[in-house]
Amino acid sequence: MRTIRIKTASTGPDQDAGTARSGPRRDLPALLAGAATAVGGIGATLALGDSGSPLRGPLTLFFLLAAPASAVAAALRGLDPFGRTLAATAGAIAVNMLVAQAMLAVHRWSVHGGVVTVTVISALLLLLTAVRRSRDRTPPPPRQEAG
């Protein structure tokens, strides 16, 4: 039988047990995720609004890579960080290529259609991941005995 040892954070004279991981480093991933969401949202808005801004191209490209990558990364939560990043990037490129190929095959290519399609696919992937996780956390219903 294998024992899993859990190391607790050591507390110093100026720390108590509840604040062992507080500070700017703990909030950095959430801050970066929020900034990436804002940049991606601005890119999608600029693309859908036919803006003439010079930032339209780079921010739209960022959105088209970040939206499906974050959806794939959320679905692959069990992988190590490097493998998850690599798989999410490959998944984002695959989603974008498949959307572009499908739109070209049916002769319906448009920037608006591509952005909307990638958004819908990414949202569906995130929704399916959230539904699967909530279903996994829900305890099974109690069994009723016959009789």
N, C-alpha and C. Protein backbone atom coordinates (compact mmCIF):
# COMPACT_ATOMS: atom_id res chain seq x y z
N MET A 1 0.84 -1.17 0.00
CA MET A 1 0.00 0.00 0.00
C MET A 1 0.89 1.24 0.00
N ARG A 2 0.50 2.22 -0.74
CA ARG A 2 1.31 3.42 -0.89
C ARG A 2 0.71 4.55 -0.06
N THR A 3 1.56 5.27 0.64
CA THR A 3 1.12 6.39 1.46
C THR A 3 1.48 7.69 0.76
N ILE A 4 0.55 8.59 0.71
CA ILE A 4 0.79 9.89 0.12
C ILE A 4 1.07 10.86 1.25
N ARG A 5 2.22 11.47 1.20
CA ARG A 5 2.59 12.43 2.25
C ARG A 5 2.30 13.83 1.77
N ILE A 6 1.65 14.58 2.62
CA ILE A 6 1.30 15.96 2.29
C ILE A 6 2.15 16.88 3.14
N LYS A 7 2.87 17.75 2.47
CA LYS A 7 3.69 18.71 3.20
C LYS A 7 2.86 19.96 3.45
N THR A 8 2.86 20.41 4.65
CA THR A 8 2.15 21.64 4.98
C THR A 8 3.12 22.80 4.90
N ALA A 9 2.61 23.97 4.65
CA ALA A 9 3.46 25.15 4.55
C ALA A 9 3.97 25.50 5.94
N SER A 10 5.26 25.79 6.02
CA SER A 10 5.81 26.17 7.31
C SER A 10 5.43 27.61 7.59
N THR A 11 5.15 27.87 8.83
CA THR A 11 4.75 29.22 9.20
C THR A 11 5.88 29.89 9.94
N GLY A 12 6.12 31.11 9.59
CA GLY A 12 7.15 31.89 10.25
C GLY A 12 6.53 32.81 11.28
N PRO A 13 7.33 33.67 11.88
CA PRO A 13 6.80 34.57 12.90
C PRO A 13 5.83 35.60 12.34
N ASP A 14 5.96 35.96 11.04
CA ASP A 14 5.06 36.95 10.48
C ASP A 14 3.97 36.33 9.60
N GLN A 15 3.84 35.02 9.61
CA GLN A 15 2.83 34.34 8.82
C GLN A 15 1.98 33.48 9.74
N ASP A 16 0.71 33.38 9.39
CA ASP A 16 -0.09 32.35 10.04
C ASP A 16 -0.45 31.31 8.99
N ALA A 17 -1.03 30.22 9.40
CA ALA A 17 -1.25 29.09 8.49
C ALA A 17 -2.17 29.44 7.33
N GLY A 18 -3.08 30.37 7.49
CA GLY A 18 -4.03 30.71 6.44
C GLY A 18 -3.45 31.57 5.33
N THR A 19 -2.35 32.24 5.59
CA THR A 19 -1.80 33.17 4.59
C THR A 19 -0.45 32.70 4.08
N ALA A 20 -0.22 31.42 4.05
CA ALA A 20 1.08 30.91 3.61
C ALA A 20 1.32 31.17 2.13
N ARG A 21 0.27 31.22 1.30
CA ARG A 21 0.44 31.42 -0.14
C ARG A 21 -0.18 32.72 -0.60
N SER A 22 -0.19 33.74 0.20
CA SER A 22 -0.77 35.00 -0.24
C SER A 22 0.32 35.86 -0.86
N GLY A 23 -0.11 36.89 -1.54
CA GLY A 23 0.86 37.80 -2.13
C GLY A 23 0.66 37.91 -3.63
N PRO A 24 1.52 38.69 -4.27
CA PRO A 24 1.36 38.94 -5.70
C PRO A 24 1.56 37.72 -6.58
N ARG A 25 2.39 36.78 -6.18
CA ARG A 25 2.62 35.60 -7.02
C ARG A 25 1.38 34.72 -7.11
N ARG A 26 0.59 34.67 -6.08
CA ARG A 26 -0.60 33.84 -6.08
C ARG A 26 -1.68 34.40 -7.01
N ASP A 27 -1.74 35.71 -7.13
CA ASP A 27 -2.77 36.36 -7.95
C ASP A 27 -2.35 36.53 -9.40
N LEU A 28 -1.11 36.26 -9.75
CA LEU A 28 -0.61 36.49 -11.10
C LEU A 28 -1.32 35.66 -12.17
N PRO A 29 -1.55 34.35 -11.99
CA PRO A 29 -2.26 33.60 -13.04
C PRO A 29 -3.66 34.12 -13.31
N ALA A 30 -4.37 34.49 -12.27
CA ALA A 30 -5.72 35.04 -12.46
C ALA A 30 -5.67 36.38 -13.18
N LEU A 31 -4.68 37.19 -12.84
CA LEU A 31 -4.53 38.49 -13.49
C LEU A 31 -4.19 38.32 -14.97
N LEU A 32 -3.28 37.39 -15.29
CA LEU A 32 -2.93 37.13 -16.68
C LEU A 32 -4.10 36.56 -17.47
N ALA A 33 -4.88 35.69 -16.85
CA ALA A 33 -6.05 35.13 -17.52
C ALA A 33 -7.08 36.22 -17.81
N GLY A 34 -7.26 37.12 -16.87
CA GLY A 34 -8.19 38.23 -17.09
C GLY A 34 -7.71 39.16 -18.20
N ALA A 35 -6.43 39.45 -18.22
CA ALA A 35 -5.88 40.30 -19.27
C ALA A 35 -5.99 39.63 -20.64
N ALA A 36 -5.73 38.33 -20.70
CA ALA A 36 -5.85 37.61 -21.98
C ALA A 36 -7.30 37.59 -22.45
N THR A 37 -8.23 37.43 -21.53
CA THR A 37 -9.65 37.46 -21.90
C THR A 37 -10.04 38.83 -22.44
N ALA A 38 -9.57 39.88 -21.80
CA ALA A 38 -9.88 41.23 -22.28
C ALA A 38 -9.28 41.49 -23.66
N VAL A 39 -8.03 41.10 -23.86
CA VAL A 39 -7.38 41.29 -25.16
C VAL A 39 -8.11 40.49 -26.24
N GLY A 40 -8.45 39.24 -25.94
CA GLY A 40 -9.19 38.42 -26.90
C GLY A 40 -10.56 38.98 -27.21
N GLY A 41 -11.25 39.47 -26.19
CA GLY A 41 -12.57 40.08 -26.41
C GLY A 41 -12.49 41.33 -27.27
N ILE A 42 -11.46 42.13 -27.04
CA ILE A 42 -11.27 43.33 -27.88
C ILE A 42 -10.97 42.92 -29.32
N GLY A 43 -10.16 41.87 -29.50
CA GLY A 43 -9.86 41.39 -30.84
C GLY A 43 -11.10 40.91 -31.57
N ALA A 44 -11.96 40.15 -30.89
CA ALA A 44 -13.20 39.68 -31.51
C ALA A 44 -14.12 40.85 -31.83
N THR A 45 -14.19 41.82 -30.93
CA THR A 45 -15.04 42.99 -31.16
C THR A 45 -14.54 43.79 -32.36
N LEU A 46 -13.24 43.98 -32.45
CA LEU A 46 -12.68 44.72 -33.59
C LEU A 46 -12.93 43.98 -34.91
N ALA A 47 -12.84 42.65 -34.89
CA ALA A 47 -13.06 41.88 -36.11
C ALA A 47 -14.53 41.91 -36.52
N LEU A 48 -15.41 41.77 -35.56
CA LEU A 48 -16.84 41.75 -35.88
C LEU A 48 -17.38 43.13 -36.20
N GLY A 49 -16.72 44.17 -35.70
CA GLY A 49 -17.17 45.54 -35.94
C GLY A 49 -16.56 46.19 -37.15
N ASP A 50 -15.79 45.48 -37.95
CA ASP A 50 -15.13 46.02 -39.14
C ASP A 50 -14.34 47.29 -38.83
N SER A 51 -13.59 47.26 -37.77
CA SER A 51 -12.79 48.40 -37.37
C SER A 51 -11.59 48.55 -38.30
N GLY A 52 -11.17 49.78 -38.49
CA GLY A 52 -10.00 50.05 -39.31
C GLY A 52 -8.75 50.20 -38.48
N SER A 53 -8.79 49.80 -37.23
CA SER A 53 -7.67 49.94 -36.31
C SER A 53 -6.50 49.04 -36.74
N PRO A 54 -5.27 49.51 -36.54
CA PRO A 54 -4.13 48.66 -36.86
C PRO A 54 -3.98 47.48 -35.87
N LEU A 55 -4.66 47.54 -34.75
CA LEU A 55 -4.62 46.45 -33.79
C LEU A 55 -5.60 45.33 -34.12
N ARG A 56 -6.43 45.53 -35.11
CA ARG A 56 -7.45 44.54 -35.45
C ARG A 56 -6.83 43.18 -35.80
N GLY A 57 -5.82 43.15 -36.63
CA GLY A 57 -5.21 41.89 -37.06
C GLY A 57 -4.55 41.12 -35.93
N PRO A 58 -3.63 41.74 -35.18
CA PRO A 58 -2.97 40.99 -34.12
C PRO A 58 -3.91 40.54 -33.00
N LEU A 59 -4.84 41.41 -32.62
CA LEU A 59 -5.75 41.04 -31.53
C LEU A 59 -6.75 39.97 -31.98
N THR A 60 -7.17 40.01 -33.23
CA THR A 60 -8.06 38.97 -33.74
C THR A 60 -7.31 37.64 -33.83
N LEU A 61 -6.07 37.68 -34.28
CA LEU A 61 -5.27 36.46 -34.32
C LEU A 61 -5.08 35.89 -32.91
N PHE A 62 -4.84 36.77 -31.94
CA PHE A 62 -4.72 36.31 -30.56
C PHE A 62 -6.01 35.64 -30.10
N PHE A 63 -7.14 36.25 -30.42
CA PHE A 63 -8.42 35.65 -30.04
C PHE A 63 -8.62 34.29 -30.71
N LEU A 64 -8.31 34.21 -32.00
CA LEU A 64 -8.52 32.96 -32.72
C LEU A 64 -7.61 31.84 -32.23
N LEU A 65 -6.49 32.17 -31.62
CA LEU A 65 -5.63 31.13 -31.03
C LEU A 65 -5.96 30.88 -29.56
N ALA A 66 -6.28 31.94 -28.81
CA ALA A 66 -6.47 31.79 -27.36
C ALA A 66 -7.81 31.17 -27.00
N ALA A 67 -8.87 31.48 -27.74
CA ALA A 67 -10.19 30.95 -27.36
C ALA A 67 -10.25 29.43 -27.46
N PRO A 68 -9.92 28.83 -28.60
CA PRO A 68 -9.95 27.36 -28.62
C PRO A 68 -8.86 26.72 -27.76
N ALA A 69 -7.72 27.39 -27.61
CA ALA A 69 -6.65 26.82 -26.78
C ALA A 69 -7.08 26.74 -25.32
N SER A 70 -7.75 27.78 -24.84
CA SER A 70 -8.21 27.74 -23.45
C SER A 70 -9.31 26.71 -23.25
N ALA A 71 -10.15 26.52 -24.26
CA ALA A 71 -11.20 25.51 -24.16
C ALA A 71 -10.61 24.10 -24.14
N VAL A 72 -9.62 23.85 -24.99
CA VAL A 72 -8.98 22.54 -25.01
C VAL A 72 -8.18 22.32 -23.72
N ALA A 73 -7.51 23.36 -23.23
CA ALA A 73 -6.74 23.23 -22.00
C ALA A 73 -7.64 22.94 -20.80
N ALA A 74 -8.84 23.51 -20.80
CA ALA A 74 -9.78 23.23 -19.71
C ALA A 74 -10.23 21.77 -19.74
N ALA A 75 -10.35 21.22 -20.93
CA ALA A 75 -10.78 19.82 -21.04
C ALA A 75 -9.66 18.86 -20.66
N LEU A 76 -8.41 19.28 -20.78
CA LEU A 76 -7.26 18.41 -20.51
C LEU A 76 -6.61 18.74 -19.18
N ARG A 77 -7.39 18.89 -18.16
CA ARG A 77 -6.89 19.34 -16.87
C ARG A 77 -5.94 18.36 -16.20
N GLY A 78 -5.98 17.10 -16.54
CA GLY A 78 -5.15 16.11 -15.87
C GLY A 78 -3.71 16.04 -16.36
N LEU A 79 -3.37 16.70 -17.44
CA LEU A 79 -2.01 16.64 -17.98
C LEU A 79 -1.06 17.57 -17.23
N ASP A 80 0.22 17.30 -17.37
CA ASP A 80 1.21 18.21 -16.81
C ASP A 80 1.18 19.52 -17.60
N PRO A 81 1.67 20.63 -17.05
CA PRO A 81 1.53 21.94 -17.70
C PRO A 81 2.12 22.01 -19.11
N PHE A 82 3.30 21.42 -19.33
CA PHE A 82 3.90 21.50 -20.67
C PHE A 82 3.07 20.73 -21.69
N GLY A 83 2.67 19.52 -21.34
CA GLY A 83 1.86 18.70 -22.25
C GLY A 83 0.50 19.33 -22.52
N ARG A 84 -0.06 19.93 -21.49
CA ARG A 84 -1.35 20.59 -21.64
C ARG A 84 -1.25 21.80 -22.57
N THR A 85 -0.17 22.58 -22.42
CA THR A 85 0.04 23.74 -23.28
C THR A 85 0.26 23.31 -24.73
N LEU A 86 1.05 22.29 -24.91
CA LEU A 86 1.33 21.80 -26.26
C LEU A 86 0.06 21.25 -26.92
N ALA A 87 -0.71 20.45 -26.19
CA ALA A 87 -1.94 19.90 -26.73
C ALA A 87 -2.98 20.98 -27.00
N ALA A 88 -3.07 21.98 -26.12
CA ALA A 88 -4.03 23.06 -26.31
C ALA A 88 -3.68 23.90 -27.53
N THR A 89 -2.39 24.16 -27.74
CA THR A 89 -1.96 24.92 -28.92
C THR A 89 -2.25 24.14 -30.20
N ALA A 90 -1.94 22.85 -30.19
CA ALA A 90 -2.23 22.03 -31.37
C ALA A 90 -3.73 21.94 -31.62
N GLY A 91 -4.52 21.84 -30.56
CA GLY A 91 -5.98 21.81 -30.70
C GLY A 91 -6.53 23.11 -31.26
N ALA A 92 -5.98 24.24 -30.82
CA ALA A 92 -6.43 25.54 -31.33
C ALA A 92 -6.12 25.67 -32.82
N ILE A 93 -4.93 25.26 -33.21
CA ILE A 93 -4.56 25.33 -34.62
C ILE A 93 -5.46 24.40 -35.44
N ALA A 94 -5.75 23.22 -34.91
CA ALA A 94 -6.61 22.28 -35.63
C ALA A 94 -8.02 22.82 -35.78
N VAL A 95 -8.57 23.43 -34.73
CA VAL A 95 -9.92 24.01 -34.83
C VAL A 95 -9.94 25.11 -35.88
N ASN A 96 -8.95 26.00 -35.85
CA ASN A 96 -8.91 27.09 -36.83
C ASN A 96 -8.76 26.57 -38.26
N MET A 97 -7.92 25.57 -38.45
CA MET A 97 -7.73 25.01 -39.79
C MET A 97 -9.00 24.32 -40.29
N LEU A 98 -9.66 23.58 -39.40
CA LEU A 98 -10.89 22.90 -39.82
C LEU A 98 -12.00 23.89 -40.14
N VAL A 99 -12.12 24.96 -39.36
CA VAL A 99 -13.12 25.98 -39.67
C VAL A 99 -12.82 26.65 -41.01
N ALA A 100 -11.56 27.00 -41.23
CA ALA A 100 -11.19 27.64 -42.50
C ALA A 100 -11.41 26.70 -43.68
N GLN A 101 -11.04 25.44 -43.52
CA GLN A 101 -11.22 24.48 -44.61
C GLN A 101 -12.70 24.25 -44.91
N ALA A 102 -13.51 24.14 -43.86
CA ALA A 102 -14.95 23.93 -44.07
C ALA A 102 -15.58 25.14 -44.76
N MET A 103 -15.19 26.34 -44.34
CA MET A 103 -15.75 27.54 -44.96
C MET A 103 -15.31 27.68 -46.42
N LEU A 104 -14.09 27.33 -46.73
CA LEU A 104 -13.63 27.38 -48.11
C LEU A 104 -14.29 26.30 -48.96
N ALA A 105 -14.54 25.14 -48.37
CA ALA A 105 -15.15 24.04 -49.13
C ALA A 105 -16.58 24.36 -49.55
N VAL A 106 -17.29 25.11 -48.71
CA VAL A 106 -18.68 25.44 -49.05
C VAL A 106 -18.80 26.83 -49.67
N HIS A 107 -17.66 27.45 -49.98
CA HIS A 107 -17.62 28.77 -50.63
C HIS A 107 -18.34 29.84 -49.81
N ARG A 108 -18.16 29.81 -48.50
CA ARG A 108 -18.77 30.79 -47.60
C ARG A 108 -17.72 31.44 -46.71
N TRP A 109 -16.58 31.76 -47.27
CA TRP A 109 -15.52 32.33 -46.47
C TRP A 109 -15.84 33.77 -46.10
N SER A 110 -15.71 34.09 -44.81
CA SER A 110 -15.82 35.47 -44.34
C SER A 110 -15.13 35.57 -42.99
N VAL A 111 -14.62 36.74 -42.68
CA VAL A 111 -13.96 36.96 -41.40
C VAL A 111 -14.97 36.83 -40.28
N HIS A 112 -16.14 37.45 -40.48
CA HIS A 112 -17.18 37.39 -39.44
C HIS A 112 -17.58 35.94 -39.16
N GLY A 113 -17.81 35.18 -40.21
CA GLY A 113 -18.21 33.79 -40.04
C GLY A 113 -17.15 32.96 -39.33
N GLY A 114 -15.89 33.19 -39.65
CA GLY A 114 -14.81 32.46 -39.00
C GLY A 114 -14.70 32.77 -37.52
N VAL A 115 -14.79 34.06 -37.18
CA VAL A 115 -14.70 34.46 -35.77
C VAL A 115 -15.88 33.90 -34.99
N VAL A 116 -17.07 34.01 -35.55
CA VAL A 116 -18.26 33.50 -34.86
C VAL A 116 -18.19 31.98 -34.71
N THR A 117 -17.77 31.28 -35.75
CA THR A 117 -17.69 29.82 -35.68
C THR A 117 -16.67 29.35 -34.65
N VAL A 118 -15.51 29.97 -34.63
CA VAL A 118 -14.49 29.59 -33.64
C VAL A 118 -15.00 29.91 -32.23
N THR A 119 -15.71 31.02 -32.07
CA THR A 119 -16.28 31.37 -30.77
C THR A 119 -17.29 30.32 -30.32
N VAL A 120 -18.17 29.91 -31.22
CA VAL A 120 -19.19 28.92 -30.87
C VAL A 120 -18.55 27.57 -30.52
N ILE A 121 -17.58 27.14 -31.30
CA ILE A 121 -16.92 25.86 -31.02
C ILE A 121 -16.20 25.92 -29.68
N SER A 122 -15.51 27.02 -29.40
CA SER A 122 -14.81 27.16 -28.13
C SER A 122 -15.78 27.19 -26.96
N ALA A 123 -16.89 27.90 -27.12
CA ALA A 123 -17.89 27.95 -26.04
C ALA A 123 -18.51 26.58 -25.80
N LEU A 124 -18.77 25.83 -26.87
CA LEU A 124 -19.32 24.48 -26.70
C LEU A 124 -18.35 23.56 -25.99
N LEU A 125 -17.06 23.65 -26.33
CA LEU A 125 -16.05 22.84 -25.63
C LEU A 125 -16.00 23.19 -24.15
N LEU A 126 -16.03 24.48 -23.82
CA LEU A 126 -16.02 24.88 -22.42
C LEU A 126 -17.29 24.43 -21.70
N LEU A 127 -18.42 24.53 -22.38
CA LEU A 127 -19.69 24.11 -21.77
C LEU A 127 -19.71 22.62 -21.52
N LEU A 128 -19.24 21.83 -22.48
CA LEU A 128 -19.20 20.38 -22.29
C LEU A 128 -18.25 19.99 -21.16
N THR A 129 -17.14 20.69 -21.04
CA THR A 129 -16.21 20.43 -19.95
C THR A 129 -16.83 20.75 -18.60
N ALA A 130 -17.53 21.89 -18.53
CA ALA A 130 -18.18 22.27 -17.27
C ALA A 130 -19.29 21.29 -16.89
N VAL A 131 -20.05 20.85 -17.88
CA VAL A 131 -21.13 19.89 -17.60
C VAL A 131 -20.55 18.56 -17.13
N ARG A 132 -19.48 18.12 -17.76
CA ARG A 132 -18.85 16.85 -17.37
C ARG A 132 -18.30 16.93 -15.95
N ARG A 133 -17.68 18.05 -15.60
CA ARG A 133 -17.13 18.19 -14.25
C ARG A 133 -18.23 18.29 -13.20
N SER A 134 -19.30 18.99 -13.50
CA SER A 134 -20.38 19.08 -12.52
C SER A 134 -21.07 17.73 -12.35
N ARG A 135 -21.17 16.96 -13.41
CA ARG A 135 -21.76 15.62 -13.32
C ARG A 135 -20.87 14.69 -12.52
N ASP A 136 -19.55 14.85 -12.66
CA ASP A 136 -18.62 14.01 -11.91
C ASP A 136 -18.62 14.34 -10.42
N ARG A 137 -18.91 15.57 -10.05
CA ARG A 137 -18.92 15.98 -8.65
C ARG A 137 -20.23 15.66 -7.94
N THR A 138 -21.28 15.49 -8.70
CA THR A 138 -22.59 15.23 -8.10
C THR A 138 -22.62 13.82 -7.54
N PRO A 139 -23.02 13.67 -6.27
CA PRO A 139 -23.09 12.31 -5.72
C PRO A 139 -24.25 11.55 -6.35
N PRO A 140 -24.13 10.24 -6.45
CA PRO A 140 -25.22 9.47 -7.05
C PRO A 140 -26.46 9.53 -6.16
N PRO A 141 -27.64 9.41 -6.75
CA PRO A 141 -28.86 9.44 -5.94
C PRO A 141 -28.94 8.23 -5.04
N PRO A 142 -29.59 8.38 -3.89
CA PRO A 142 -29.69 7.23 -2.98
C PRO A 142 -30.53 6.11 -3.60
N ARG A 143 -30.14 4.89 -3.31
CA ARG A 143 -30.85 3.74 -3.87
C ARG A 143 -32.06 3.43 -3.00
N GLN A 144 -33.14 3.15 -3.67
CA GLN A 144 -34.36 2.76 -2.95
C GLN A 144 -34.48 1.25 -2.99
N GLU A 145 -34.77 0.70 -1.83
CA GLU A 145 -34.92 -0.74 -1.76
C GLU A 145 -36.33 -1.16 -2.14
N ALA A 146 -36.41 -2.21 -2.90
CA ALA A 146 -37.71 -2.73 -3.30
C ALA A 146 -38.31 -3.49 -2.13
N GLY A 147 -39.59 -3.29 -1.97
CA GLY A 147 -40.18 -4.14 -0.95
C GLY A 147 -41.21 -3.49 -0.22
